Amino acid sequence: MLKLRLRPLKCQIANEKLFEIVSVDSRRKRDTHTCKNVGYYRMYLSGNKTVTLNKSNLIAALSSGGQPTKSVEKLIQPIMKDLL
């Protein structure tokens, strides 16, 4: 049985910071094999921020016991209000 954790995984793209929101086995190291991609969080140099989530993957990860980190919980909180 996997202990899933929803974590941000940093990726670097020119002129912006990109974080993939992924589900990972919590018993493994930080930057390891991901189970499922849940979405993206982008921060542009202009100061704009966008969150893109795949709702079906998010619900699947949470229903299988996935626990979001504090930073991911802040990002998914507005979307979870719409789902409930």
PDB file of N, CA and C in Angstrom:
ATOM      1  N   MET A   1       0.835  -1.175   0.000  1.00  0.00           N
ATOM      2  CA  MET A   1       0.000   0.000   0.000  1.00  0.00           C
ATOM      3  C   MET A   1       0.883   1.242   0.000  1.00  0.00           C
ATOM      4  N   LEU A   2       0.653   2.126  -0.931  1.00  0.00           N
ATOM      5  CA  LEU A   2       1.421   3.357  -1.024  1.00  0.00           C
ATOM      6  C   LEU A   2       0.861   4.408  -0.080  1.00  0.00           C
ATOM      7  N   LYS A   3       1.760   5.146   0.546  1.00  0.00           N
ATOM      8  CA  LYS A   3       1.363   6.321   1.312  1.00  0.00           C
ATOM      9  C   LYS A   3       1.602   7.513   0.402  1.00  0.00           C
ATOM     10  N   LEU A   4       0.531   8.048  -0.167  1.00  0.00           N
ATOM     11  CA  LEU A   4       0.667   9.122  -1.136  1.00  0.00           C
ATOM     12  C   LEU A   4       0.722  10.484  -0.463  1.00  0.00           C
ATOM     13  N   ARG A   5       1.508  11.361  -1.075  1.00  0.00           N
ATOM     14  CA  ARG A   5       1.629  12.741  -0.622  1.00  0.00           C
ATOM     15  C   ARG A   5       1.578  13.625  -1.860  1.00  0.00           C
ATOM     16  N   LEU A   6       0.794  14.692  -1.827  1.00  0.00           N
ATOM     17  CA  LEU A   6       0.734  15.645  -2.935  1.00  0.00           C
ATOM     18  C   LEU A   6       1.779  16.723  -2.681  1.00  0.00           C
ATOM     19  N   ARG A   7       2.745  16.844  -3.590  1.00  0.00           N
ATOM     20  CA  ARG A   7       3.875  17.751  -3.408  1.00  0.00           C
ATOM     21  C   ARG A   7       4.079  18.614  -4.640  1.00  0.00           C
ATOM     22  N   PRO A   8       4.682  19.808  -4.446  1.00  0.00           N
ATOM     23  CA  PRO A   8       5.117  20.585  -5.605  1.00  0.00           C
ATOM     24  C   PRO A   8       6.505  20.108  -6.030  1.00  0.00           C
ATOM     25  N   LEU A   9       6.727  19.964  -7.320  1.00  0.00           N
ATOM     26  CA  LEU A   9       8.009  19.542  -7.879  1.00  0.00           C
ATOM     27  C   LEU A   9       8.487  20.659  -8.790  1.00  0.00           C
ATOM     28  N   LYS A  10       9.645  21.261  -8.490  1.00  0.00           N
ATOM     29  CA  LYS A  10      10.099  22.456  -9.192  1.00  0.00           C
ATOM     30  C   LYS A  10      10.660  22.120 -10.567  1.00  0.00           C
ATOM     31  N   CYS A  11      10.217  22.891 -11.554  1.00  0.00           N
ATOM     32  CA  CYS A  11      10.734  22.835 -12.920  1.00  0.00           C
ATOM     33  C   CYS A  11      11.079  24.270 -13.299  1.00  0.00           C
ATOM     34  N   GLN A  12      12.090  24.465 -14.102  1.00  0.00           N
ATOM     35  CA  GLN A  12      12.485  25.821 -14.474  1.00  0.00           C
ATOM     36  C   GLN A  12      12.274  26.022 -15.970  1.00  0.00           C
ATOM     37  N   ILE A  13      11.563  27.080 -16.319  1.00  0.00           N
ATOM     38  CA  ILE A  13      11.341  27.475 -17.701  1.00  0.00           C
ATOM     39  C   ILE A  13      11.768  28.933 -17.796  1.00  0.00           C
ATOM     40  N   ALA A  14      12.255  29.354 -18.962  1.00  0.00           N
ATOM     41  CA  ALA A  14      12.717  30.728 -19.140  1.00  0.00           C
ATOM     42  C   ALA A  14      11.625  31.720 -18.762  1.00  0.00           C
ATOM     43  N   ASN A  15      11.979  32.705 -17.972  1.00  0.00           N
ATOM     44  CA  ASN A  15      11.121  33.818 -17.565  1.00  0.00           C
ATOM     45  C   ASN A  15       9.959  33.430 -16.660  1.00  0.00           C
ATOM     46  N   GLU A  16       9.952  32.254 -16.104  1.00  0.00           N
ATOM     47  CA  GLU A  16       8.893  31.873 -15.163  1.00  0.00           C
ATOM     48  C   GLU A  16       9.350  30.709 -14.306  1.00  0.00           C
ATOM     49  N   LYS A  17       8.706  30.541 -13.175  1.00  0.00           N
ATOM     50  CA  LYS A  17       8.940  29.379 -12.314  1.00  0.00           C
ATOM     51  C   LYS A  17       7.736  28.472 -12.452  1.00  0.00           C
ATOM     52  N   LEU A  18       7.998  27.210 -12.632  1.00  0.00           N
ATOM     53  CA  LEU A  18       6.927  26.240 -12.827  1.00  0.00           C
ATOM     54  C   LEU A  18       7.069  25.138 -11.793  1.00  0.00           C
ATOM     55  N   PHE A  19       5.972  24.841 -11.118  1.00  0.00           N
ATOM     56  CA  PHE A  19       5.928  23.738 -10.158  1.00  0.00           C
ATOM     57  C   PHE A  19       4.876  22.750 -10.623  1.00  0.00           C
ATOM     58  N   GLU A  20       5.254  21.493 -10.754  1.00  0.00           N
ATOM     59  CA  GLU A  20       4.280  20.439 -11.030  1.00  0.00           C
ATOM     60  C   GLU A  20       3.720  19.981  -9.692  1.00  0.00           C
ATOM     61  N   ILE A  21       2.427  19.824  -9.609  1.00  0.00           N
ATOM     62  CA  ILE A  21       1.801  19.274  -8.412  1.00  0.00           C
ATOM     63  C   ILE A  21       1.591  17.796  -8.691  1.00  0.00           C
ATOM     64  N   VAL A  22       2.318  16.954  -7.958  1.00  0.00           N
ATOM     65  CA  VAL A  22       2.337  15.523  -8.239  1.00  0.00           C
ATOM     66  C   VAL A  22       2.025  14.724  -6.982  1.00  0.00           C
ATOM     67  N   SER A  23       1.577  13.488  -7.175  1.00  0.00           N
ATOM     68  CA  SER A  23       1.424  12.565  -6.055  1.00  0.00           C
ATOM     69  C   SER A  23       2.657  11.667  -6.033  1.00  0.00           C
ATOM     70  N   VAL A  24       3.231  11.514  -4.838  1.00  0.00           N
ATOM     71  CA  VAL A  24       4.486  10.792  -4.659  1.00  0.00           C
ATOM     72  C   VAL A  24       4.346   9.878  -3.455  1.00  0.00           C
ATOM     73  N   ASP A  25       5.029   8.737  -3.493  1.00  0.00           N
ATOM     74  CA  ASP A  25       5.085   7.866  -2.326  1.00  0.00           C
ATOM     75  C   ASP A  25       5.840   8.606  -1.227  1.00  0.00           C
ATOM     76  N   SER A  26       5.221   8.835  -0.087  1.00  0.00           N
ATOM     77  CA  SER A  26       5.800   9.671   0.963  1.00  0.00           C
ATOM     78  C   SER A  26       7.018   9.033   1.629  1.00  0.00           C
ATOM     79  N   ARG A  27       7.241   7.756   1.425  1.00  0.00           N
ATOM     80  CA  ARG A  27       8.376   7.093   2.050  1.00  0.00           C
ATOM     81  C   ARG A  27       9.660   7.263   1.243  1.00  0.00           C
ATOM     82  N   ARG A  28       9.552   7.850   0.054  1.00  0.00           N
ATOM     83  CA  ARG A  28      10.727   8.031  -0.790  1.00  0.00           C
ATOM     84  C   ARG A  28      11.307   9.421  -0.635  1.00  0.00           C
ATOM     85  N   LYS A  29      12.479   9.621  -1.260  1.00  0.00           N
ATOM     86  CA  LYS A  29      13.142  10.921  -1.205  1.00  0.00           C
ATOM     87  C   LYS A  29      12.335  11.968  -1.939  1.00  0.00           C
ATOM     88  N   ARG A  30      12.721  13.225  -1.748  1.00  0.00           N
ATOM     89  CA  ARG A  30      11.933  14.351  -2.240  1.00  0.00           C
ATOM     90  C   ARG A  30      11.763  14.361  -3.758  1.00  0.00           C
ATOM     91  N   ASP A  31      12.828  14.352  -4.528  1.00  0.00           N
ATOM     92  CA  ASP A  31      12.735  14.408  -5.993  1.00  0.00           C
ATOM     93  C   ASP A  31      12.859  13.002  -6.556  1.00  0.00           C
ATOM     94  N   THR A  32      11.803  12.263  -6.494  1.00  0.00           N
ATOM     95  CA  THR A  32      11.822  10.861  -6.888  1.00  0.00           C
ATOM     96  C   THR A  32      10.745  10.595  -7.930  1.00  0.00           C
ATOM     97  N   HIS A  33      10.523   9.355  -8.237  1.00  0.00           N
ATOM     98  CA  HIS A  33       9.519   8.957  -9.220  1.00  0.00           C
ATOM     99  C   HIS A  33       8.131   9.395  -8.757  1.00  0.00           C
ATOM    100  N   THR A  34       7.401  10.032  -9.651  1.00  0.00           N
ATOM    101  CA  THR A  34       6.051  10.500  -9.317  1.00  0.00           C
ATOM    102  C   THR A  34       5.018   9.457  -9.728  1.00  0.00           C
ATOM    103  N   CYS A  35       3.941   9.379  -8.985  1.00  0.00           N
ATOM    104  CA  CYS A  35       2.862   8.436  -9.308  1.00  0.00           C
ATOM    105  C   CYS A  35       1.920   9.029 -10.356  1.00  0.00           C
ATOM    106  N   LYS A  36       1.492  10.268 -10.129  1.00  0.00           N
ATOM    107  CA  LYS A  36       0.523  10.879 -11.028  1.00  0.00           C
ATOM    108  C   LYS A  36       0.667  12.387 -10.991  1.00  0.00           C
ATOM    109  N   ASN A  37       0.554  13.011 -12.157  1.00  0.00           N
ATOM    110  CA  ASN A  37       0.604  14.461 -12.245  1.00  0.00           C
ATOM    111  C   ASN A  37      -0.803  14.996 -11.982  1.00  0.00           C
ATOM    112  N   VAL A  38      -0.908  15.914 -11.024  1.00  0.00           N
ATOM    113  CA  VAL A  38      -2.206  16.466 -10.644  1.00  0.00           C
ATOM    114  C   VAL A  38      -2.434  17.834 -11.286  1.00  0.00           C
ATOM    115  N   GLY A  39      -1.368  18.610 -11.478  1.00  0.00           N
ATOM    116  CA  GLY A  39      -1.532  19.930 -12.077  1.00  0.00           C
ATOM    117  C   GLY A  39      -0.253  20.731 -12.072  1.00  0.00           C
ATOM    118  N   TYR A  40      -0.388  22.042 -12.346  1.00  0.00           N
ATOM    119  CA  TYR A  40       0.756  22.942 -12.434  1.00  0.00           C
ATOM    120  C   TYR A  40       0.470  24.238 -11.691  1.00  0.00           C
ATOM    121  N   TYR A  41       1.545  24.847 -11.186  1.00  0.00           N
ATOM    122  CA  TYR A  41       1.485  26.169 -10.565  1.00  0.00           C
ATOM    123  C   TYR A  41       2.581  27.004 -11.216  1.00  0.00           C
ATOM    124  N   ARG A  42       2.206  28.092 -11.894  1.00  0.00           N
ATOM    125  CA  ARG A  42       3.171  28.938 -12.598  1.00  0.00           C
ATOM    126  C   ARG A  42       3.248  30.305 -11.950  1.00  0.00           C
ATOM    127  N   MET A  43       4.496  30.787 -11.822  1.00  0.00           N
ATOM    128  CA  MET A  43       4.751  32.143 -11.339  1.00  0.00           C
ATOM    129  C   MET A  43       5.550  32.857 -12.426  1.00  0.00           C
ATOM    130  N   TYR A  44       4.954  33.895 -13.013  1.00  0.00           N
ATOM    131  CA  TYR A  44       5.613  34.657 -14.069  1.00  0.00           C
ATOM    132  C   TYR A  44       6.426  35.791 -13.452  1.00  0.00           C
ATOM    133  N   LEU A  45       7.423  36.284 -14.199  1.00  0.00           N
ATOM    134  CA  LEU A  45       8.233  37.404 -13.718  1.00  0.00           C
ATOM    135  C   LEU A  45       7.404  38.669 -13.530  1.00  0.00           C
ATOM    136  N   SER A  46       6.334  38.789 -14.272  1.00  0.00           N
ATOM    137  CA  SER A  46       5.464  39.961 -14.152  1.00  0.00           C
ATOM    138  C   SER A  46       4.666  39.960 -12.838  1.00  0.00           C
ATOM    139  N   GLY A  47       4.688  38.846 -12.114  1.00  0.00           N
ATOM    140  CA  GLY A  47       3.968  38.754 -10.850  1.00  0.00           C
ATOM    141  C   GLY A  47       2.669  37.969 -10.942  1.00  0.00           C
ATOM    142  N   ASN A  48       2.240  37.631 -12.145  1.00  0.00           N
ATOM    143  CA  ASN A  48       1.019  36.831 -12.312  1.00  0.00           C
ATOM    144  C   ASN A  48       1.271  35.398 -11.873  1.00  0.00           C
ATOM    145  N   LYS A  49       0.242  34.789 -11.330  1.00  0.00           N
ATOM    146  CA  LYS A  49       0.321  33.393 -10.885  1.00  0.00           C
ATOM    147  C   LYS A  49      -0.889  32.645 -11.404  1.00  0.00           C
ATOM    148  N   THR A  50      -0.682  31.428 -11.880  1.00  0.00           N
ATOM    149  CA  THR A  50      -1.801  30.608 -12.346  1.00  0.00           C
ATOM    150  C   THR A  50      -1.682  29.201 -11.765  1.00  0.00           C
ATOM    151  N   VAL A  51      -2.834  28.620 -11.480  1.00  0.00           N
ATOM    152  CA  VAL A  51      -2.907  27.236 -11.004  1.00  0.00           C
ATOM    153  C   VAL A  51      -3.781  26.477 -11.985  1.00  0.00           C
ATOM    154  N   THR A  52      -3.253  25.388 -12.532  1.00  0.00           N
ATOM    155  CA  THR A  52      -3.995  24.529 -13.454  1.00  0.00           C
ATOM    156  C   THR A  52      -4.037  23.130 -12.857  1.00  0.00           C
ATOM    157  N   LEU A  53      -5.235  22.636 -12.594  1.00  0.00           N
ATOM    158  CA  LEU A  53      -5.376  21.318 -11.979  1.00  0.00           C
ATOM    159  C   LEU A  53      -6.248  20.409 -12.825  1.00  0.00           C
ATOM    160  N   ASN A  54      -5.888  19.146 -12.847  1.00  0.00           N
ATOM    161  CA  ASN A  54      -6.722  18.115 -13.448  1.00  0.00           C
ATOM    162  C   ASN A  54      -7.600  17.578 -12.316  1.00  0.00           C
ATOM    163  N   LYS A  55      -8.869  17.941 -12.334  1.00  0.00           N
ATOM    164  CA  LYS A  55      -9.759  17.624 -11.209  1.00  0.00           C
ATOM    165  C   LYS A  55      -9.928  16.125 -11.003  1.00  0.00           C
ATOM    166  N   SER A  56      -9.985  15.360 -12.084  1.00  0.00           N
ATOM    167  CA  SER A  56     -10.166  13.916 -11.922  1.00  0.00           C
ATOM    168  C   SER A  56      -8.937  13.279 -11.272  1.00  0.00           C
ATOM    169  N   ASN A  57      -7.724  13.727 -11.644  1.00  0.00           N
ATOM    170  CA  ASN A  57      -6.513  13.200 -11.007  1.00  0.00           C
ATOM    171  C   ASN A  57      -6.412  13.645  -9.556  1.00  0.00           C
ATOM    172  N   LEU A  58      -6.838  14.869  -9.272  1.00  0.00           N
ATOM    173  CA  LEU A  58      -6.826  15.376  -7.901  1.00  0.00           C
ATOM    174  C   LEU A  58      -7.764  14.567  -7.015  1.00  0.00           C
ATOM    175  N   ILE A  59      -8.974  14.325  -7.482  1.00  0.00           N
ATOM    176  CA  ILE A  59      -9.945  13.547  -6.706  1.00  0.00           C
ATOM    177  C   ILE A  59      -9.463  12.115  -6.516  1.00  0.00           C
ATOM    178  N   ALA A  60      -8.866  11.536  -7.552  1.00  0.00           N
ATOM    179  CA  ALA A  60      -8.347  10.171  -7.448  1.00  0.00           C
ATOM    180  C   ALA A  60      -7.219  10.087  -6.421  1.00  0.00           C
ATOM    181  N   ALA A  61      -6.322  11.079  -6.425  1.00  0.00           N
ATOM    182  CA  ALA A  61      -5.207  11.067  -5.476  1.00  0.00           C
ATOM    183  C   ALA A  61      -5.699  11.257  -4.048  1.00  0.00           C
ATOM    184  N   LEU A  62      -6.658  12.143  -3.844  1.00  0.00           N
ATOM    185  CA  LEU A  62      -7.182  12.379  -2.492  1.00  0.00           C
ATOM    186  C   LEU A  62      -8.024  11.210  -1.998  1.00  0.00           C
ATOM    187  N   SER A  63      -8.778  10.588  -2.886  1.00  0.00           N
ATOM    188  CA  SER A  63      -9.628   9.463  -2.459  1.00  0.00           C
ATOM    189  C   SER A  63      -8.819   8.207  -2.159  1.00  0.00           C
ATOM    190  N   SER A  64      -7.618   8.100  -2.728  1.00  0.00           N
ATOM    191  CA  SER A  64      -6.777   6.938  -2.440  1.00  0.00           C
ATOM    192  C   SER A  64      -5.893   7.175  -1.219  1.00  0.00           C
ATOM    193  N   GLY A  65      -6.157   8.251  -0.476  1.00  0.00           N
ATOM    194  CA  GLY A  65      -5.441   8.486   0.770  1.00  0.00           C
ATOM    195  C   GLY A  65      -4.333   9.503   0.683  1.00  0.00           C
ATOM    196  N   GLY A  66      -4.228  10.223  -0.411  1.00  0.00           N
ATOM    197  CA  GLY A  66      -3.181  11.224  -0.573  1.00  0.00           C
ATOM    198  C   GLY A  66      -3.368  12.406   0.367  1.00  0.00           C
ATOM    199  N   GLN A  67      -2.292  12.842   1.001  1.00  0.00           N
ATOM    200  CA  GLN A  67      -2.323  13.975   1.913  1.00  0.00           C
ATOM    201  C   GLN A  67      -1.546  15.130   1.291  1.00  0.00           C
ATOM    202  N   PRO A  68      -2.170  16.290   1.059  1.00  0.00           N
ATOM    203  CA  PRO A  68      -1.439  17.421   0.479  1.00  0.00           C
ATOM    204  C   PRO A  68      -0.509  18.072   1.501  1.00  0.00           C
ATOM    205  N   THR A  69       0.631  18.588   1.013  1.00  0.00           N
ATOM    206  CA  THR A  69       1.506  19.376   1.874  1.00  0.00           C
ATOM    207  C   THR A  69       0.819  20.709   2.144  1.00  0.00           C
ATOM    208  N   LYS A  70       1.373  21.504   3.048  1.00  0.00           N
ATOM    209  CA  LYS A  70       0.751  22.784   3.394  1.00  0.00           C
ATOM    210  C   LYS A  70       0.669  23.713   2.192  1.00  0.00           C
ATOM    211  N   SER A  71       1.731  23.752   1.387  1.00  0.00           N
ATOM    212  CA  SER A  71       1.740  24.649   0.229  1.00  0.00           C
ATOM    213  C   SER A  71       0.733  24.196  -0.825  1.00  0.00           C
ATOM    214  N   VAL A  72       0.621  22.907  -1.057  1.00  0.00           N
ATOM    215  CA  VAL A  72      -0.347  22.398  -2.028  1.00  0.00           C
ATOM    216  C   VAL A  72      -1.764  22.573  -1.498  1.00  0.00           C
ATOM    217  N   GLU A  73      -1.949  22.430  -0.208  1.00  0.00           N
ATOM    218  CA  GLU A  73      -3.279  22.607   0.378  1.00  0.00           C
ATOM    219  C   GLU A  73      -3.795  24.027   0.148  1.00  0.00           C
ATOM    220  N   LYS A  74      -2.903  25.014   0.242  1.00  0.00           N
ATOM    221  CA  LYS A  74      -3.296  26.401  -0.030  1.00  0.00           C
ATOM    222  C   LYS A  74      -3.701  26.585  -1.487  1.00  0.00           C
ATOM    223  N   LEU A  75      -3.023  25.872  -2.400  1.00  0.00           N
ATOM    224  CA  LEU A  75      -3.329  26.012  -3.825  1.00  0.00           C
ATOM    225  C   LEU A  75      -4.646  25.347  -4.207  1.00  0.00           C
ATOM    226  N   ILE A  76      -4.956  24.207  -3.596  1.00  0.00           N
ATOM    227  CA  ILE A  76      -6.155  23.469  -4.000  1.00  0.00           C
ATOM    228  C   ILE A  76      -7.386  23.853  -3.180  1.00  0.00           C
ATOM    229  N   GLN A  77      -7.221  24.651  -2.149  1.00  0.00           N
ATOM    230  CA  GLN A  77      -8.351  25.013  -1.279  1.00  0.00           C
ATOM    231  C   GLN A  77      -9.508  25.669  -2.039  1.00  0.00           C
ATOM    232  N   PRO A  78      -9.278  26.666  -2.926  1.00  0.00           N
ATOM    233  CA  PRO A  78     -10.415  27.252  -3.657  1.00  0.00           C
ATOM    234  C   PRO A  78     -11.121  26.252  -4.579  1.00  0.00           C
ATOM    235  N   ILE A  79     -10.373  25.337  -5.162  1.00  0.00           N
ATOM    236  CA  ILE A  79     -10.971  24.360  -6.071  1.00  0.00           C
ATOM    237  C   ILE A  79     -11.775  23.326  -5.291  1.00  0.00           C
ATOM    238  N   MET A  80     -11.308  22.974  -4.104  1.00  0.00           N
ATOM    239  CA  MET A  80     -12.012  21.986  -3.294  1.00  0.00           C
ATOM    240  C   MET A  80     -13.355  22.529  -2.815  1.00  0.00           C
ATOM    241  N   LYS A  81     -13.449  23.844  -2.606  1.00  0.00           N
ATOM    242  CA  LYS A  81     -14.730  24.435  -2.213  1.00  0.00           C
ATOM    243  C   LYS A  81     -15.767  24.263  -3.321  1.00  0.00           C
ATOM    244  N   ASP A  82     -15.312  24.371  -4.585  1.00  0.00           N
ATOM    245  CA  ASP A  82     -16.222  24.197  -5.725  1.00  0.00           C
ATOM    246  C   ASP A  82     -16.665  22.743  -5.867  1.00  0.00           C
ATOM    247  N   LEU A  83     -15.801  21.804  -5.518  1.00  0.00           N
ATOM    248  CA  LEU A  83     -16.122  20.389  -5.682  1.00  0.00           C
ATOM    249  C   LEU A  83     -17.064  19.878  -4.596  1.00  0.00           C
ATOM    250  N   LEU A  84     -17.002  20.466  -3.404  1.00  0.00           N
ATOM    251  CA  LEU A  84     -17.828  19.985  -2.290  1.00  0.00           C
ATOM    252  C   LEU A  84     -19.142  20.670  -2.219  1.00  0.00           C
TER     253      LEU A  84
END
